[in-house]
């Protein structure tokens, strides 16, 4: 099945509420099938990002959030994400010790997470410097 993921096409524009819920359930089942979500697996599942639950997002390893491919996948699918999903991804970013404190985040990193920035808690958003 994993070898066929790139052939799956997920269309959300005409999905009913029932179909949305079914996709969320299926996405959660996919995520729970794998004990460790790697960057490659996350990218393979990226078309399901709009259907990921907040609890599934919060269960991802914080270190996953610093991977360039993962961040690109999140950015690419951010227009179809709900606010609570963006907030959860922003929270996971804040929990990654690899990144350090918000004022130390480099501009190139900030541009890669641009769709998530408005969803940072206000206290962290205010820590951004004018150079950032």
Protein backbone atom coordinates (compact mmCIF):
# COMPACT_ATOMS: atom_id res chain seq x y z
CA UNK A 1 0.00 0.00 0.00
CA UNK A 2 2.83 2.40 0.89
CA UNK A 3 4.15 2.12 -2.67
CA UNK A 4 0.77 3.30 -4.02
CA UNK A 5 0.36 6.42 -1.86
CA UNK A 6 1.72 8.74 -4.49
CA UNK A 7 -1.08 7.54 -6.78
CA UNK A 8 -3.82 8.48 -4.31
CA UNK A 9 -5.68 11.67 -5.09
CA UNK A 10 -7.55 13.45 -2.31
CA UNK A 11 -10.17 15.96 -3.47
CA UNK A 12 -11.66 18.10 -0.71
CA UNK A 13 -13.53 20.84 -2.55
CA UNK A 14 -16.82 18.95 -2.86
CA UNK A 15 -16.57 16.73 0.22
CA UNK A 16 -19.61 16.48 2.45
CA UNK A 17 -19.33 16.68 6.24
CA UNK A 18 -19.71 12.89 6.41
CA UNK A 19 -16.93 12.40 3.85
CA UNK A 20 -14.71 14.85 5.77
CA UNK A 21 -15.24 12.86 8.97
CA UNK A 22 -14.49 9.60 7.14
CA UNK A 23 -11.23 11.08 5.81
CA UNK A 24 -10.27 12.25 9.31
CA UNK A 25 -10.91 8.77 10.70
CA UNK A 26 -8.93 7.12 7.90
CA UNK A 27 -6.04 9.58 8.31
CA UNK A 28 -5.88 8.91 12.03
CA UNK A 29 -5.88 5.16 11.35
CA UNK A 30 -2.98 5.60 8.90
CA UNK A 31 -0.99 7.61 11.41
CA UNK A 32 -1.60 5.14 14.25
CA UNK A 33 -0.58 2.25 12.00
CA UNK A 34 3.01 3.48 12.13
CA UNK A 35 4.74 3.63 15.51
CA UNK A 36 7.19 6.30 14.37
CA UNK A 37 6.37 8.98 11.82
CA UNK A 38 9.51 9.78 9.87
CA UNK A 39 9.95 12.77 7.55
CA UNK A 40 9.58 10.49 4.51
CA UNK A 41 6.38 8.96 5.84
CA UNK A 42 5.01 12.39 6.74
CA UNK A 43 5.67 13.65 3.21
CA UNK A 44 4.03 10.52 1.78
CA UNK A 45 0.97 11.25 3.92
CA UNK A 46 1.07 14.99 3.25
CA UNK A 47 -2.08 15.08 1.14
CA UNK A 48 -3.88 13.98 4.31
CA UNK A 49 -2.62 16.96 6.36
CA UNK A 50 -5.99 18.77 6.11
CA UNK A 51 -7.60 15.73 7.76
CA UNK A 52 -5.12 15.28 10.61
CA UNK A 53 -6.56 15.64 14.09
CA UNK A 54 -4.98 17.98 16.60
CA UNK A 55 -4.16 15.03 18.87
CA UNK A 56 -2.37 13.26 16.01
CA UNK A 57 -0.42 16.43 15.18
CA UNK A 58 0.55 16.81 18.83
CA UNK A 59 1.77 13.19 18.92
CA UNK A 60 4.33 13.77 16.16
CA UNK A 61 7.91 13.96 17.42
CA UNK A 62 8.89 17.60 17.89
CA UNK A 63 12.08 16.85 15.96
CA UNK A 64 9.95 16.05 12.90
CA UNK A 65 8.95 19.70 12.75
CA UNK A 66 12.44 20.91 11.87
CA UNK A 67 12.71 18.83 8.70
CA UNK A 68 12.65 20.95 5.54
CA UNK A 69 10.52 18.44 3.61
CA UNK A 70 7.98 18.29 6.42
CA UNK A 71 7.80 22.08 6.63
CA UNK A 72 7.37 22.33 2.85
CA UNK A 73 4.53 19.79 2.96
CA UNK A 74 2.81 21.71 5.76
CA UNK A 75 3.21 24.99 3.86
CA UNK A 76 1.92 23.43 0.63
CA UNK A 77 -1.23 22.10 2.32
CA UNK A 78 -1.80 24.99 4.73
CA UNK A 79 -4.54 26.58 2.61
CA UNK A 80 -6.74 23.52 3.25
CA UNK A 81 -5.97 23.32 6.97
CA UNK A 82 -8.21 24.46 9.81
CA UNK A 83 -6.96 27.06 12.29
CA UNK A 84 -6.74 24.51 15.10
CA UNK A 85 -4.46 22.34 12.95
CA UNK A 86 -2.18 25.30 12.23
CA UNK A 87 -2.11 26.15 15.94
CA UNK A 88 -1.16 22.54 16.74
CA UNK A 89 1.69 22.57 14.22
CA UNK A 90 2.87 25.93 15.61
CA UNK A 91 2.77 24.49 19.13
CA UNK A 92 4.86 21.50 18.03
CA UNK A 93 7.40 23.92 16.54
CA UNK A 94 7.66 25.68 19.88
CA UNK A 95 8.25 22.34 21.61
CA UNK A 96 11.21 21.42 19.41
CA UNK A 97 14.37 22.17 21.37
CA UNK A 98 16.40 21.99 18.15
CA UNK A 99 14.98 25.35 17.06
CA UNK A 100 15.82 27.25 20.21
CA UNK A 101 13.86 30.27 21.36
CA UNK A 102 11.68 32.23 18.91
CA UNK A 103 14.02 35.27 18.75
CA UNK A 104 16.77 32.97 17.45
CA UNK A 105 14.71 31.57 14.58
CA UNK A 106 16.45 32.56 11.32
CA UNK A 107 14.53 34.45 8.60
CA UNK A 108 14.80 31.54 6.11
CA UNK A 109 13.10 29.25 8.67
CA UNK A 110 10.40 31.82 9.36
CA UNK A 111 9.64 32.11 5.65
CA UNK A 112 9.24 28.33 5.47
CA UNK A 113 6.61 28.41 8.24
CA UNK A 114 4.90 31.61 7.13
CA UNK A 115 1.36 30.11 7.14
CA UNK A 116 1.86 29.04 10.77
CA UNK A 117 3.18 32.34 12.13
CA UNK A 118 -0.24 33.93 12.75
CA UNK A 119 -1.08 30.87 14.84
CA UNK A 120 1.80 31.20 17.27
CA UNK A 121 0.64 32.20 20.73
CA UNK A 122 0.74 36.00 21.01
CA UNK A 123 3.52 35.96 23.60
CA UNK A 124 5.78 34.08 21.17
CA UNK A 125 4.68 36.09 18.15
CA UNK A 126 5.69 39.26 20.01
CA UNK A 127 9.18 37.83 20.51
CA UNK A 128 9.88 38.06 16.78
CA UNK A 129 12.33 40.81 16.02
CA UNK A 130 11.96 43.40 13.26
CA UNK A 131 14.80 41.70 11.35
CA UNK A 132 12.89 38.43 11.39
